[in-house]
Amino acid sequence: MTSRDARHVVTSIGAVAIALAIGVTPARGQSGLEGVIEQYGATSIKGYIQPLADVLVANLSLGYLNSAPPKKGGISFSIEAVAMTAALDESLRQYTANTPAGFQPATFTTSTIFGGTASAVTHSSIPGLSYRGSDGLVDAEYFPTAAPQLRLGGILGTEVVVRYASSTMVPFIEEEDFPDLTLMGFGLQHSLNRYFTTLPLEVSIGGSYNSLKFGDIVDLSSTSFGVNAGKSFGIIGLSAGIASEGGTMNLAYTSTDPTAPGAVNIDLDVSRSIRFRAGGALNLGPLKLFGDAAFGNVTSYAGGIRFGF
């Protein structure tokens, strides 16, 4: 894979609307995400690609809640650009894989999509014959995603957020370089202060749903729901919350693995987990800058700009 091709893979998976894959260094010699996936059978693909599902769910859950909605007041509307990035620690870079019959040892540690050069094992009776998995596709400290979104508030203490990004929105990406990518998301936040007027903080409940499709192979969906609390100090706003997040990545393709060829259709579950978030915002009239950090099985960060009234 050339340097240019690898950047296209990362950019497309990273919600190409803002193309935050700049600076992500490609790893060695692969033919693209779909080509690598097709080299694996239904059992062997899970360990290699599972970290991608984990970080996408973590990233896409952020960016919806950056303050508590007003408990009363008029209609508000804003246009936003939000970027998210997940820290790629060592647990996301390696996994334990099974070796084919005749190779030893029976299991070995090798690279995930976020790892480096794959490990190799030798055949127990045929000298010089070795087996190795695929190298990592993304060699970076962080994995970014991004999307534009619209926010509508002031309806009975409720805010609605809609986000959308597509590979067709990035003019410098050529269609033949990788399959179409589409990201869609929907978030909802409802203020509890309109019912409990003596609360010292702005408290809300909220949730989100995200869908990301990459070509004909990858189809990911995720949900998040939780509680958010915040308070404003002049132009500065602080908030924190707790959320339950989870999702599923479906892979549908034809495997070229000689040990397990044929049609594959599997779901990789991202187990529901609890993450804690904290964030801040700077309110400058119609312009608002905001940032978030979320901590749990995956640590991710979000930042954005919001313009509206």
C-alpha atoms as a PDB file:
ATOM      1  CA  MET A   1       0.000   0.000   0.000  1.00  0.00           C
ATOM      2  CA  THR A   2       1.360   3.419  -0.884  1.00  0.00           C
ATOM      3  CA  SER A   3       1.469   6.248   1.617  1.00  0.00           C
ATOM      4  CA  ARG A   4      -1.348   7.966  -0.273  1.00  0.00           C
ATOM      5  CA  ASP A   5      -3.583   4.881  -0.264  1.00  0.00           C
ATOM      6  CA  ALA A   6      -3.120   4.319   3.471  1.00  0.00           C
ATOM      7  CA  ARG A   7      -4.074   7.900   4.245  1.00  0.00           C
ATOM      8  CA  HIS A   8      -7.248   7.429   2.190  1.00  0.00           C
ATOM      9  CA  VAL A   9      -8.188   4.377   4.272  1.00  0.00           C
ATOM     10  CA  VAL A  10      -7.686   6.229   7.542  1.00  0.00           C
ATOM     11  CA  THR A  11      -9.420   9.376   6.329  1.00  0.00           C
ATOM     12  CA  SER A  12     -12.468   7.527   5.055  1.00  0.00           C
ATOM     13  CA  ILE A  13     -12.943   5.498   8.223  1.00  0.00           C
ATOM     14  CA  GLY A  14     -12.414   8.707  10.202  1.00  0.00           C
ATOM     15  CA  ALA A  15     -15.650  10.391   9.070  1.00  0.00           C
ATOM     16  CA  VAL A  16     -14.087  12.151   6.144  1.00  0.00           C
ATOM     17  CA  ALA A  17     -16.067  15.400   6.468  1.00  0.00           C
ATOM     18  CA  ILE A  18     -13.116  17.183   8.094  1.00  0.00           C
ATOM     19  CA  ALA A  19     -10.341  14.697   7.184  1.00  0.00           C
ATOM     20  CA  LEU A  20      -8.562  14.667  10.523  1.00  0.00           C
ATOM     21  CA  ALA A  21      -6.342  11.787   9.459  1.00  0.00           C
ATOM     22  CA  ILE A  22      -3.635  14.326   8.589  1.00  0.00           C
ATOM     23  CA  GLY A  23      -0.540  13.283  10.470  1.00  0.00           C
ATOM     24  CA  VAL A  24      -1.583   9.626  10.877  1.00  0.00           C
ATOM     25  CA  THR A  25       1.361   7.651   9.599  1.00  0.00           C
ATOM     26  CA  PRO A  26       0.476   4.628   7.451  1.00  0.00           C
ATOM     27  CA  ALA A  27       1.905   1.228   8.280  1.00  0.00           C
ATOM     28  CA  ARG A  28       3.466  -1.198   5.892  1.00  0.00           C
ATOM     29  CA  GLY A  29       2.281  -3.031   2.778  1.00  0.00           C
ATOM     30  CA  GLN A  30      -1.444  -3.722   2.700  1.00  0.00           C
ATOM     31  CA  SER A  31      -3.980  -3.363  -0.099  1.00  0.00           C
ATOM     32  CA  GLY A  32      -6.617  -1.369   1.782  1.00  0.00           C
ATOM     33  CA  LEU A  33      -9.111  -2.085   4.542  1.00  0.00           C
ATOM     34  CA  GLU A  34     -11.506  -4.210   2.514  1.00  0.00           C
ATOM     35  CA  GLY A  35      -8.702  -6.205   0.911  1.00  0.00           C
ATOM     36  CA  VAL A  36      -7.181  -6.989   4.294  1.00  0.00           C
ATOM     37  CA  ILE A  37     -10.531  -8.014   5.809  1.00  0.00           C
ATOM     38  CA  GLU A  38     -11.160 -10.418   2.929  1.00  0.00           C
ATOM     39  CA  GLN A  39      -7.945 -12.284   3.755  1.00  0.00           C
ATOM     40  CA  TYR A  40      -9.475 -13.480   7.034  1.00  0.00           C
ATOM     41  CA  GLY A  41     -12.080 -16.118   7.784  1.00  0.00           C
ATOM     42  CA  ALA A  42     -15.023 -15.578  10.122  1.00  0.00           C
ATOM     43  CA  THR A  43     -13.104 -16.694  13.213  1.00  0.00           C
ATOM     44  CA  SER A  44      -9.727 -15.108  12.565  1.00  0.00           C
ATOM     45  CA  ILE A  45     -11.033 -11.644  11.587  1.00  0.00           C
ATOM     46  CA  LYS A  46     -12.415 -10.829  15.029  1.00  0.00           C
ATOM     47  CA  GLY A  47      -9.191 -10.121  16.857  1.00  0.00           C
ATOM     48  CA  TYR A  48      -7.714  -8.095  14.006  1.00  0.00           C
ATOM     49  CA  ILE A  49     -10.630  -5.715  13.446  1.00  0.00           C
ATOM     50  CA  GLN A  50     -12.316  -5.584  16.897  1.00  0.00           C
ATOM     51  CA  PRO A  51     -10.226  -2.571  18.076  1.00  0.00           C
ATOM     52  CA  LEU A  52     -11.557  -0.533  15.141  1.00  0.00           C
ATOM     53  CA  ALA A  53     -15.116  -1.176  16.303  1.00  0.00           C
ATOM     54  CA  ASP A  54     -14.156  -0.245  19.873  1.00  0.00           C
ATOM     55  CA  VAL A  55     -12.611   3.120  19.004  1.00  0.00           C
ATOM     56  CA  LEU A  56     -15.340   4.082  16.535  1.00  0.00           C
ATOM     57  CA  VAL A  57     -18.045   3.529  19.158  1.00  0.00           C
ATOM     58  CA  ALA A  58     -16.023   5.530  21.697  1.00  0.00           C
ATOM     59  CA  ASN A  59     -15.434   8.411  19.283  1.00  0.00           C
ATOM     60  CA  LEU A  60     -18.915   8.640  17.842  1.00  0.00           C
ATOM     61  CA  SER A  61     -20.541   8.746  21.281  1.00  0.00           C
ATOM     62  CA  LEU A  62     -18.904  12.124  21.957  1.00  0.00           C
ATOM     63  CA  GLY A  63     -19.835  15.576  20.670  1.00  0.00           C
ATOM     64  CA  TYR A  64     -23.564  15.484  21.325  1.00  0.00           C
ATOM     65  CA  LEU A  65     -23.530  16.770  24.906  1.00  0.00           C
ATOM     66  CA  ASN A  66     -21.466  19.911  25.394  1.00  0.00           C
ATOM     67  CA  SER A  67     -23.813  21.692  27.821  1.00  0.00           C
ATOM     68  CA  ALA A  68     -27.183  21.206  29.433  1.00  0.00           C
ATOM     69  CA  PRO A  69     -30.167  22.455  27.405  1.00  0.00           C
ATOM     70  CA  PRO A  70     -31.987  25.524  28.764  1.00  0.00           C
ATOM     71  CA  LYS A  71     -35.009  24.699  30.900  1.00  0.00           C
ATOM     72  CA  LYS A  72     -36.935  27.529  29.304  1.00  0.00           C
ATOM     73  CA  GLY A  73     -36.555  30.133  26.609  1.00  0.00           C
ATOM     74  CA  GLY A  74     -36.910  30.452  22.875  1.00  0.00           C
ATOM     75  CA  ILE A  75     -35.883  28.279  20.009  1.00  0.00           C
ATOM     76  CA  SER A  76     -32.144  27.942  19.407  1.00  0.00           C
ATOM     77  CA  PHE A  77     -30.337  26.711  16.314  1.00  0.00           C
ATOM     78  CA  SER A  78     -26.653  26.136  15.604  1.00  0.00           C
ATOM     79  CA  ILE A  79     -24.294  24.650  13.027  1.00  0.00           C
ATOM     80  CA  GLU A  80     -21.353  22.730  14.457  1.00  0.00           C
ATOM     81  CA  ALA A  81     -18.174  20.987  13.433  1.00  0.00           C
ATOM     82  CA  VAL A  82     -16.994  18.368  15.916  1.00  0.00           C
ATOM     83  CA  ALA A  83     -13.844  16.250  15.876  1.00  0.00           C
ATOM     84  CA  MET A  84     -13.160  13.213  18.060  1.00  0.00           C
ATOM     85  CA  THR A  85     -10.038  11.146  18.583  1.00  0.00           C
ATOM     86  CA  ALA A  86      -9.321   7.959  20.551  1.00  0.00           C
ATOM     87  CA  ALA A  87      -6.014   7.130  22.224  1.00  0.00           C
ATOM     88  CA  LEU A  88      -4.552   3.913  20.808  1.00  0.00           C
ATOM     89  CA  ASP A  89      -2.928   2.175  23.761  1.00  0.00           C
ATOM     90  CA  GLU A  90      -1.110  -1.162  23.585  1.00  0.00           C
ATOM     91  CA  SER A  91      -4.237  -3.196  24.351  1.00  0.00           C
ATOM     92  CA  LEU A  92      -5.644  -2.029  20.998  1.00  0.00           C
ATOM     93  CA  ARG A  93      -2.529  -2.913  19.013  1.00  0.00           C
ATOM     94  CA  GLN A  94      -2.144  -6.650  19.636  1.00  0.00           C
ATOM     95  CA  TYR A  95      -4.316  -9.730  20.042  1.00  0.00           C
ATOM     96  CA  THR A  96      -3.878 -13.457  20.517  1.00  0.00           C
ATOM     97  CA  ALA A  97      -4.518 -15.404  17.311  1.00  0.00           C
ATOM     98  CA  ASN A  98      -4.843 -19.108  16.597  1.00  0.00           C
ATOM     99  CA  THR A  99      -2.376 -20.671  14.141  1.00  0.00           C
ATOM    100  CA  PRO A 100      -3.426 -23.054  11.344  1.00  0.00           C
ATOM    101  CA  ALA A 101      -2.953 -26.784  11.808  1.00  0.00           C
ATOM    102  CA  GLY A 102       0.678 -27.847  11.619  1.00  0.00           C
ATOM    103  CA  PHE A 103       2.159 -24.568  12.871  1.00  0.00           C
ATOM    104  CA  GLN A 104       3.533 -23.945  16.320  1.00  0.00           C
ATOM    105  CA  PRO A 105       2.806 -22.654  18.866  1.00  0.00           C
ATOM    106  CA  ALA A 106      -0.972 -23.102  18.770  1.00  0.00           C
ATOM    107  CA  THR A 107      -1.529 -19.402  19.534  1.00  0.00           C
ATOM    108  CA  PHE A 108       0.638 -16.316  19.071  1.00  0.00           C
ATOM    109  CA  THR A 109       0.462 -12.570  19.666  1.00  0.00           C
ATOM    110  CA  THR A 110       0.206 -10.488  16.504  1.00  0.00           C
ATOM    111  CA  SER A 111      -0.916  -7.107  15.198  1.00  0.00           C
ATOM    112  CA  THR A 112      -4.406  -5.702  15.054  1.00  0.00           C
ATOM    113  CA  ILE A 113      -5.395  -3.051  12.519  1.00  0.00           C
ATOM    114  CA  PHE A 114      -3.628  -0.572  14.847  1.00  0.00           C
ATOM    115  CA  GLY A 115      -0.463  -2.639  15.286  1.00  0.00           C
ATOM    116  CA  GLY A 116       2.827  -2.708  13.417  1.00  0.00           C
ATOM    117  CA  THR A 117       4.441  -5.592  11.556  1.00  0.00           C
ATOM    118  CA  ALA A 118       2.623  -8.881  12.132  1.00  0.00           C
ATOM    119  CA  SER A 119       4.325 -11.738  13.958  1.00  0.00           C
ATOM    120  CA  ALA A 120       5.131 -15.022  12.228  1.00  0.00           C
ATOM    121  CA  VAL A 121       5.118 -18.668  13.357  1.00  0.00           C
ATOM    122  CA  THR A 122       6.842 -21.631  11.725  1.00  0.00           C
ATOM    123  CA  HIS A 123       5.516 -24.985  10.567  1.00  0.00           C
ATOM    124  CA  SER A 124       6.229 -27.857  12.922  1.00  0.00           C
ATOM    125  CA  SER A 125       7.468 -30.261  10.224  1.00  0.00           C
ATOM    126  CA  ILE A 126       8.173 -28.266   7.032  1.00  0.00           C
ATOM    127  CA  PRO A 127      11.381 -26.238   7.338  1.00  0.00           C
ATOM    128  CA  GLY A 128      11.169 -22.674   6.042  1.00  0.00           C
ATOM    129  CA  LEU A 129       7.363 -22.580   5.939  1.00  0.00           C
ATOM    130  CA  SER A 130       5.884 -19.805   8.066  1.00  0.00           C
ATOM    131  CA  TYR A 131       2.503 -18.230   8.749  1.00  0.00           C
ATOM    132  CA  ARG A 132       1.825 -14.599   9.632  1.00  0.00           C
ATOM    133  CA  GLY A 133      -1.180 -12.358   9.980  1.00  0.00           C
ATOM    134  CA  SER A 134      -1.712  -8.993   8.302  1.00  0.00           C
ATOM    135  CA  ASP A 135       0.297  -5.958   9.282  1.00  0.00           C
ATOM    136  CA  GLY A 136      -1.469  -3.058  10.928  1.00  0.00           C
ATOM    137  CA  LEU A 137      -3.070  -0.477   8.654  1.00  0.00           C
ATOM    138  CA  VAL A 138      -2.893   2.493  11.017  1.00  0.00           C
ATOM    139  CA  ASP A 139       0.356   3.409  12.744  1.00  0.00           C
ATOM    140  CA  ALA A 140      -0.540   6.350  15.009  1.00  0.00           C
ATOM    141  CA  GLU A 141      -1.021   7.403  18.609  1.00  0.00           C
ATOM    142  CA  TYR A 142      -4.622   8.506  18.037  1.00  0.00           C
ATOM    143  CA  PHE A 143      -7.457   7.569  15.685  1.00  0.00           C
ATOM    144  CA  PRO A 144      -9.597  10.547  14.568  1.00  0.00           C
ATOM    145  CA  THR A 145     -13.156  10.940  13.385  1.00  0.00           C
ATOM    146  CA  ALA A 146     -15.122  14.086  12.556  1.00  0.00           C
ATOM    147  CA  ALA A 147     -18.473  15.297  11.325  1.00  0.00           C
ATOM    148  CA  PRO A 148     -20.616  18.416  10.911  1.00  0.00           C
ATOM    149  CA  GLN A 149     -23.865  18.544  12.850  1.00  0.00           C
ATOM    150  CA  LEU A 150     -26.978  20.664  13.387  1.00  0.00           C
ATOM    151  CA  ARG A 151     -28.464  21.429  16.812  1.00  0.00           C
ATOM    152  CA  LEU A 152     -32.053  22.550  17.489  1.00  0.00           C
ATOM    153  CA  GLY A 153     -33.082  23.450  21.030  1.00  0.00           C
ATOM    154  CA  GLY A 154     -35.691  25.210  23.104  1.00  0.00           C
ATOM    155  CA  ILE A 155     -38.493  22.723  22.514  1.00  0.00           C
ATOM    156  CA  LEU A 156     -39.871  21.870  25.975  1.00  0.00           C
ATOM    157  CA  GLY A 157     -36.374  21.804  27.414  1.00  0.00           C
ATOM    158  CA  THR A 158     -35.093  19.474  24.703  1.00  0.00           C
ATOM    159  CA  GLU A 159     -32.214  19.665  22.237  1.00  0.00           C
ATOM    160  CA  VAL A 160     -32.007  17.559  19.085  1.00  0.00           C
ATOM    161  CA  VAL A 161     -28.701  17.026  17.253  1.00  0.00           C
ATOM    162  CA  VAL A 162     -28.295  15.537  13.788  1.00  0.00           C
ATOM    163  CA  ARG A 163     -24.886  14.747  12.249  1.00  0.00           C
ATOM    164  CA  TYR A 164     -23.976  13.553   8.784  1.00  0.00           C
ATOM    165  CA  ALA A 165     -20.743  12.968   6.866  1.00  0.00           C
ATOM    166  CA  SER A 166     -19.945  11.249   3.593  1.00  0.00           C
ATOM    167  CA  SER A 167     -16.847  10.522   1.550  1.00  0.00           C
ATOM    168  CA  THR A 168     -18.475  12.492  -1.273  1.00  0.00           C
ATOM    169  CA  MET A 169     -18.135  15.650   0.870  1.00  0.00           C
ATOM    170  CA  VAL A 170     -14.329  15.658   0.606  1.00  0.00           C
ATOM    171  CA  PRO A 171     -13.314  16.923  -2.841  1.00  0.00           C
ATOM    172  CA  PHE A 172      -9.677  15.747  -2.791  1.00  0.00           C
ATOM    173  CA  ILE A 173     -10.636  12.086  -2.255  1.00  0.00           C
ATOM    174  CA  GLU A 174     -11.079  10.187  -5.498  1.00  0.00           C
ATOM    175  CA  GLU A 175     -14.022   7.787  -5.632  1.00  0.00           C
ATOM    176  CA  GLU A 176     -12.013   4.911  -7.084  1.00  0.00           C
ATOM    177  CA  ASP A 177      -9.534   4.958  -4.197  1.00  0.00           C
ATOM    178  CA  PHE A 178     -11.947   3.470  -1.669  1.00  0.00           C
ATOM    179  CA  PRO A 179     -15.638   2.568  -1.289  1.00  0.00           C
ATOM    180  CA  ASP A 180     -18.248   5.079  -0.192  1.00  0.00           C
ATOM    181  CA  LEU A 181     -18.452   5.967   3.476  1.00  0.00           C
ATOM    182  CA  THR A 182     -21.557   7.370   5.153  1.00  0.00           C
ATOM    183  CA  LEU A 183     -21.874   8.466   8.778  1.00  0.00           C
ATOM    184  CA  MET A 184     -25.217   9.427  10.280  1.00  0.00           C
ATOM    185  CA  GLY A 185     -26.037  10.253  13.889  1.00  0.00           C
ATOM    186  CA  PHE A 186     -28.899  11.464  16.045  1.00  0.00           C
ATOM    187  CA  GLY A 187     -28.730  12.811  19.591  1.00  0.00           C
ATOM    188  CA  LEU A 188     -31.341  13.931  22.093  1.00  0.00           C
ATOM    189  CA  GLN A 189     -30.936  15.805  25.383  1.00  0.00           C
ATOM    190  CA  HIS A 190     -33.692  16.773  27.822  1.00  0.00           C
ATOM    191  CA  SER A 191     -33.381  19.148  30.771  1.00  0.00           C
ATOM    192  CA  LEU A 192     -34.510  18.012  34.219  1.00  0.00           C
ATOM    193  CA  ASN A 193     -34.359  21.529  35.680  1.00  0.00           C
ATOM    194  CA  ARG A 194     -37.767  22.347  34.283  1.00  0.00           C
ATOM    195  CA  TYR A 195     -39.185  19.766  36.715  1.00  0.00           C
ATOM    196  CA  PHE A 196     -36.784  20.341  39.623  1.00  0.00           C
ATOM    197  CA  THR A 197     -36.337  24.093  39.743  1.00  0.00           C
ATOM    198  CA  THR A 198     -34.143  24.131  42.860  1.00  0.00           C
ATOM    199  CA  LEU A 199     -31.326  22.030  41.413  1.00  0.00           C
ATOM    200  CA  PRO A 200     -27.973  23.819  41.862  1.00  0.00           C
ATOM    201  CA  LEU A 201     -26.717  22.515  38.504  1.00  0.00           C
ATOM    202  CA  GLU A 202     -28.126  22.196  35.018  1.00  0.00           C
ATOM    203  CA  VAL A 203     -28.953  18.494  34.818  1.00  0.00           C
ATOM    204  CA  SER A 204     -30.075  16.601  31.740  1.00  0.00           C
ATOM    205  CA  ILE A 205     -30.554  13.110  30.408  1.00  0.00           C
ATOM    206  CA  GLY A 206     -29.614  12.218  26.874  1.00  0.00           C
ATOM    207  CA  GLY A 207     -28.785   9.598  24.327  1.00  0.00           C
ATOM    208  CA  SER A 208     -27.444   9.131  20.835  1.00  0.00           C
ATOM    209  CA  TYR A 209     -27.485   6.710  17.927  1.00  0.00           C
ATOM    210  CA  ASN A 210     -24.792   6.463  15.229  1.00  0.00           C
ATOM    211  CA  SER A 211     -24.550   4.520  11.990  1.00  0.00           C
ATOM    212  CA  LEU A 212     -21.386   4.216   9.887  1.00  0.00           C
ATOM    213  CA  LYS A 213     -21.194   2.285   6.616  1.00  0.00           C
ATOM    214  CA  PHE A 214     -18.015   1.652   4.645  1.00  0.00           C
ATOM    215  CA  GLY A 215     -18.476   0.110   1.222  1.00  0.00           C
ATOM    216  CA  ASP A 216     -20.272  -3.225   1.101  1.00  0.00           C
ATOM    217  CA  ILE A 217     -18.356  -4.796   3.982  1.00  0.00           C
ATOM    218  CA  VAL A 218     -18.479  -2.655   7.133  1.00  0.00           C
ATOM    219  CA  ASP A 219     -21.708  -1.580   8.830  1.00  0.00           C
ATOM    220  CA  LEU A 220     -21.391  -0.203  12.363  1.00  0.00           C
ATOM    221  CA  SER A 221     -24.101   1.048  14.715  1.00  0.00           C
ATOM    222  CA  SER A 222     -23.788   2.356  18.264  1.00  0.00           C
ATOM    223  CA  THR A 223     -25.916   3.796  21.042  1.00  0.00           C
ATOM    224  CA  SER A 224     -25.160   5.844  24.131  1.00  0.00           C
ATOM    225  CA  PHE A 225     -27.322   7.142  26.963  1.00  0.00           C
ATOM    226  CA  GLY A 226     -26.561   8.837  30.239  1.00  0.00           C
ATOM    227  CA  VAL A 227     -26.795  11.826  32.593  1.00  0.00           C
ATOM    228  CA  ASN A 228     -25.103  15.196  32.195  1.00  0.00           C
ATOM    229  CA  ALA A 229     -24.617  18.006  34.743  1.00  0.00           C
ATOM    230  CA  GLY A 230     -23.177  21.450  34.143  1.00  0.00           C
ATOM    231  CA  LYS A 231     -22.918  25.011  35.356  1.00  0.00           C
ATOM    232  CA  SER A 232     -22.059  28.325  33.717  1.00  0.00           C
ATOM    233  CA  PHE A 233     -19.644  30.881  35.138  1.00  0.00           C
ATOM    234  CA  GLY A 234     -20.042  33.883  32.884  1.00  0.00           C
ATOM    235  CA  ILE A 235     -18.730  32.980  29.438  1.00  0.00           C
ATOM    236  CA  ILE A 236     -17.260  29.705  30.726  1.00  0.00           C
ATOM    237  CA  GLY A 237     -19.313  26.535  31.078  1.00  0.00           C
ATOM    238  CA  LEU A 238     -18.246  23.321  32.779  1.00  0.00           C
ATOM    239  CA  SER A 239     -19.982  19.950  32.551  1.00  0.00           C
ATOM    240  CA  ALA A 240     -19.526  16.296  33.466  1.00  0.00           C
ATOM    241  CA  GLY A 241     -21.493  13.123  33.014  1.00  0.00           C
ATOM    242  CA  ILE A 242     -21.689   9.372  32.952  1.00  0.00           C
ATOM    243  CA  ALA A 243     -22.837   7.317  29.974  1.00  0.00           C
ATOM    244  CA  SER A 244     -23.442   3.736  28.938  1.00  0.00           C
ATOM    245  CA  GLU A 245     -22.060   3.014  25.458  1.00  0.00           C
ATOM    246  CA  GLY A 246     -22.111   0.000  23.168  1.00  0.00           C
ATOM    247  CA  GLY A 247     -22.503  -1.091  19.585  1.00  0.00           C
ATOM    248  CA  THR A 248     -22.071  -3.686  16.853  1.00  0.00           C
ATOM    249  CA  MET A 249     -19.950  -3.851  13.721  1.00  0.00           C
ATOM    250  CA  ASN A 250     -21.283  -6.160  11.028  1.00  0.00           C
ATOM    251  CA  LEU A 251     -18.859  -7.535   8.447  1.00  0.00           C
ATOM    252  CA  ALA A 252     -20.231  -9.120   5.267  1.00  0.00           C
ATOM    253  CA  TYR A 253     -17.738 -10.314   2.635  1.00  0.00           C
ATOM    254  CA  THR A 254     -16.275 -13.291   0.789  1.00  0.00           C
ATOM    255  CA  SER A 255     -13.197 -14.659   2.491  1.00  0.00           C
ATOM    256  CA  THR A 256     -10.124 -15.530   0.434  1.00  0.00           C
ATOM    257  CA  ASP A 257      -8.475 -17.316   3.391  1.00  0.00           C
ATOM    258  CA  PRO A 258      -7.463 -20.751   1.972  1.00  0.00           C
ATOM    259  CA  THR A 259      -8.221 -22.391   5.338  1.00  0.00           C
ATOM    260  CA  ALA A 260     -11.728 -20.864   5.599  1.00  0.00           C
ATOM    261  CA  PRO A 261     -12.936 -19.577   2.211  1.00  0.00           C
ATOM    262  CA  GLY A 262     -16.478 -18.529   1.390  1.00  0.00           C
ATOM    263  CA  ALA A 263     -19.167 -16.115   2.535  1.00  0.00           C
ATOM    264  CA  VAL A 264     -18.723 -14.421   5.904  1.00  0.00           C
ATOM    265  CA  ASN A 265     -21.404 -12.482   7.775  1.00  0.00           C
ATOM    266  CA  ILE A 266     -20.541 -11.815  11.408  1.00  0.00           C
ATOM    267  CA  ASP A 267     -21.235  -9.260  14.123  1.00  0.00           C
ATOM    268  CA  LEU A 268     -18.443  -7.893  16.295  1.00  0.00           C
ATOM    269  CA  ASP A 269     -19.993  -6.689  19.524  1.00  0.00           C
ATOM    270  CA  VAL A 270     -18.662  -3.689  21.405  1.00  0.00           C
ATOM    271  CA  SER A 271     -19.758  -4.652  24.902  1.00  0.00           C
ATOM    272  CA  ARG A 272     -21.762  -1.993  26.692  1.00  0.00           C
ATOM    273  CA  SER A 273     -19.564  -0.175  29.172  1.00  0.00           C
ATOM    274  CA  ILE A 274     -19.639   2.875  31.406  1.00  0.00           C
ATOM    275  CA  ARG A 275     -17.546   5.926  30.587  1.00  0.00           C
ATOM    276  CA  PHE A 276     -17.138   9.156  32.502  1.00  0.00           C
ATOM    277  CA  ARG A 277     -16.812  12.455  30.662  1.00  0.00           C
ATOM    278  CA  ALA A 278     -15.837  15.999  31.584  1.00  0.00           C
ATOM    279  CA  GLY A 279     -15.777  19.064  29.421  1.00  0.00           C
ATOM    280  CA  GLY A 280     -15.789  22.794  29.107  1.00  0.00           C
ATOM    281  CA  ALA A 281     -17.104  25.475  26.791  1.00  0.00           C
ATOM    282  CA  LEU A 282     -16.326  29.074  25.972  1.00  0.00           C
ATOM    283  CA  ASN A 283     -19.400  31.117  25.034  1.00  0.00           C
ATOM    284  CA  LEU A 284     -18.653  34.116  22.831  1.00  0.00           C
ATOM    285  CA  GLY A 285     -22.107  35.237  21.770  1.00  0.00           C
ATOM    286  CA  PRO A 286     -23.111  33.366  18.616  1.00  0.00           C
ATOM    287  CA  LEU A 287     -19.773  31.526  18.666  1.00  0.00           C
ATOM    288  CA  LYS A 288     -19.061  28.691  21.091  1.00  0.00           C
ATOM    289  CA  LEU A 289     -15.938  26.570  21.494  1.00  0.00           C
ATOM    290  CA  PHE A 290     -16.245  23.285  23.369  1.00  0.00           C
ATOM    291  CA  GLY A 291     -14.151  20.290  24.364  1.00  0.00           C
ATOM    292  CA  ASP A 292     -14.686  16.936  26.058  1.00  0.00           C
ATOM    293  CA  ALA A 293     -12.732  13.989  27.425  1.00  0.00           C
ATOM    294  CA  ALA A 294     -14.235  10.562  28.155  1.00  0.00           C
ATOM    295  CA  PHE A 295     -12.579   7.820  30.192  1.00  0.00           C
ATOM    296  CA  GLY A 296     -13.327   4.098  30.287  1.00  0.00           C
ATOM    297  CA  ASN A 297     -12.237   1.062  28.288  1.00  0.00           C
ATOM    298  CA  VAL A 298     -11.211   3.532  25.579  1.00  0.00           C
ATOM    299  CA  THR A 299     -10.091   7.088  26.273  1.00  0.00           C
ATOM    300  CA  SER A 300     -11.251   9.605  23.702  1.00  0.00           C
ATOM    301  CA  TYR A 301     -11.432  13.342  23.281  1.00  0.00           C
ATOM    302  CA  ALA A 302     -13.689  15.718  21.364  1.00  0.00           C
ATOM    303  CA  GLY A 303     -13.516  19.362  20.403  1.00  0.00           C
ATOM    304  CA  GLY A 304     -15.602  21.572  18.250  1.00  0.00           C
ATOM    305  CA  ILE A 305     -16.950  24.916  17.204  1.00  0.00           C
ATOM    306  CA  ARG A 306     -20.577  25.946  17.299  1.00  0.00           C
ATOM    307  CA  PHE A 307     -22.171  28.917  15.562  1.00  0.00           C
ATOM    308  CA  GLY A 308     -25.782  29.871  16.005  1.00  0.00           C
ATOM    309  CA  PHE A 309     -28.389  31.730  17.957  1.00  0.00           C
END
